[in-house]
C-alpha atoms as a PDB file:
ATOM      1  CA  UNK A   1      -7.238  -1.119  -5.296  1.00  0.00           C
ATOM      2  CA  UNK A   2      -5.606  -4.293  -6.522  1.00  0.00           C
ATOM      3  CA  UNK A   3      -5.404  -6.596  -3.536  1.00  0.00           C
ATOM      4  CA  UNK A   4      -2.500  -9.034  -3.548  1.00  0.00           C
ATOM      5  CA  UNK A   5      -0.775  -7.530  -6.599  1.00  0.00           C
ATOM      6  CA  UNK A   6       2.628  -7.407  -4.881  1.00  0.00           C
ATOM      7  CA  UNK A   7       2.496 -11.177  -4.470  1.00  0.00           C
ATOM      8  CA  UNK A   8       1.092 -11.836  -7.966  1.00  0.00           C
ATOM      9  CA  UNK A   9      -2.297 -12.857  -6.567  1.00  0.00           C
ATOM     10  CA  UNK A  10      -5.397 -12.272  -8.674  1.00  0.00           C
ATOM     11  CA  UNK A  11      -8.062 -10.879  -6.333  1.00  0.00           C
ATOM     12  CA  UNK A  12     -11.061  -8.785  -7.402  1.00  0.00           C
ATOM     13  CA  UNK A  13     -10.766  -4.986  -7.225  1.00  0.00           C
ATOM     14  CA  UNK A  14     -12.387  -3.197  -4.284  1.00  0.00           C
ATOM     15  CA  UNK A  15     -13.979   0.283  -4.313  1.00  0.00           C
ATOM     16  CA  UNK A  16     -14.058   3.147  -6.811  1.00  0.00           C
ATOM     17  CA  UNK A  17     -11.039   5.130  -5.598  1.00  0.00           C
ATOM     18  CA  UNK A  18      -7.696   4.222  -4.135  1.00  0.00           C
ATOM     19  CA  UNK A  19      -4.584   5.867  -2.765  1.00  0.00           C
ATOM     20  CA  UNK A  20      -1.349   4.100  -3.490  1.00  0.00           C
ATOM     21  CA  UNK A  21       1.626   4.360  -1.154  1.00  0.00           C
ATOM     22  CA  UNK A  22       4.758   2.729  -2.534  1.00  0.00           C
ATOM     23  CA  UNK A  23       7.063   1.458   0.190  1.00  0.00           C
ATOM     24  CA  UNK A  24       9.250  -1.007  -1.711  1.00  0.00           C
ATOM     25  CA  UNK A  25      10.172  -2.143  -5.200  1.00  0.00           C
ATOM     26  CA  UNK A  26       8.522  -4.873  -7.253  1.00  0.00           C
ATOM     27  CA  UNK A  27      10.896  -7.552  -8.553  1.00  0.00           C
ATOM     28  CA  UNK A  28       8.264  -9.792 -10.255  1.00  0.00           C
ATOM     29  CA  UNK A  29       9.227 -12.807  -8.138  1.00  0.00           C
ATOM     30  CA  UNK A  30       6.615 -13.501  -5.428  1.00  0.00           C
ATOM     31  CA  UNK A  31       9.108 -14.962  -2.950  1.00  0.00           C
ATOM     32  CA  UNK A  32      11.367 -11.891  -3.192  1.00  0.00           C
ATOM     33  CA  UNK A  33       8.428  -9.461  -3.007  1.00  0.00           C
ATOM     34  CA  UNK A  34       7.258 -11.123   0.205  1.00  0.00           C
ATOM     35  CA  UNK A  35      10.751 -10.854   1.703  1.00  0.00           C
ATOM     36  CA  UNK A  36      11.048  -7.189   0.671  1.00  0.00           C
ATOM     37  CA  UNK A  37       7.697  -6.399   2.282  1.00  0.00           C
ATOM     38  CA  UNK A  38       8.717  -8.226   5.449  1.00  0.00           C
ATOM     39  CA  UNK A  39      11.844  -6.056   5.668  1.00  0.00           C
ATOM     40  CA  UNK A  40      10.046  -2.759   5.014  1.00  0.00           C
ATOM     41  CA  UNK A  41      10.118  -0.411   7.982  1.00  0.00           C
ATOM     42  CA  UNK A  42       6.766  -0.406   9.771  1.00  0.00           C
ATOM     43  CA  UNK A  43       7.341   3.201  10.834  1.00  0.00           C
ATOM     44  CA  UNK A  44       7.546   4.208   7.149  1.00  0.00           C
ATOM     45  CA  UNK A  45       4.190   2.560   6.468  1.00  0.00           C
ATOM     46  CA  UNK A  46       2.600   4.049   9.616  1.00  0.00           C
ATOM     47  CA  UNK A  47       3.870   7.573   8.824  1.00  0.00           C
ATOM     48  CA  UNK A  48       2.512   7.289   5.295  1.00  0.00           C
ATOM     49  CA  UNK A  49      -0.861   6.121   6.636  1.00  0.00           C
ATOM     50  CA  UNK A  50      -0.926   9.057   9.089  1.00  0.00           C
ATOM     51  CA  UNK A  51      -0.268  11.583   6.306  1.00  0.00           C
ATOM     52  CA  UNK A  52      -2.897  10.070   4.019  1.00  0.00           C
ATOM     53  CA  UNK A  53      -5.557   9.770   6.718  1.00  0.00           C
ATOM     54  CA  UNK A  54      -4.905  13.327   7.946  1.00  0.00           C
ATOM     55  CA  UNK A  55      -5.247  14.614   4.397  1.00  0.00           C
ATOM     56  CA  UNK A  56      -8.543  12.817   3.878  1.00  0.00           C
ATOM     57  CA  UNK A  57      -9.840  14.035   7.255  1.00  0.00           C
ATOM     58  CA  UNK A  58      -8.887  17.656   6.462  1.00  0.00           C
ATOM     59  CA  UNK A  59     -10.547  17.562   3.035  1.00  0.00           C
ATOM     60  CA  UNK A  60     -13.770  16.113   4.410  1.00  0.00           C
ATOM     61  CA  UNK A  61     -13.958  18.640   7.265  1.00  0.00           C
ATOM     62  CA  UNK A  62     -13.410  21.840   5.252  1.00  0.00           C
END
């Protein structure tokens, strides 16, 4: 996982695996990326998190 990549921040990677959910576009301008993320629907992000977490839960409990 690359923390802060959407805002062009250089933060150390975390963990061995990651799941990426794309909710907006990247325009390579930190100020615009922040504004795009602020205007992204929270329900879209929450639904994506529900699907991902349910999938992980189902795989672990097979």
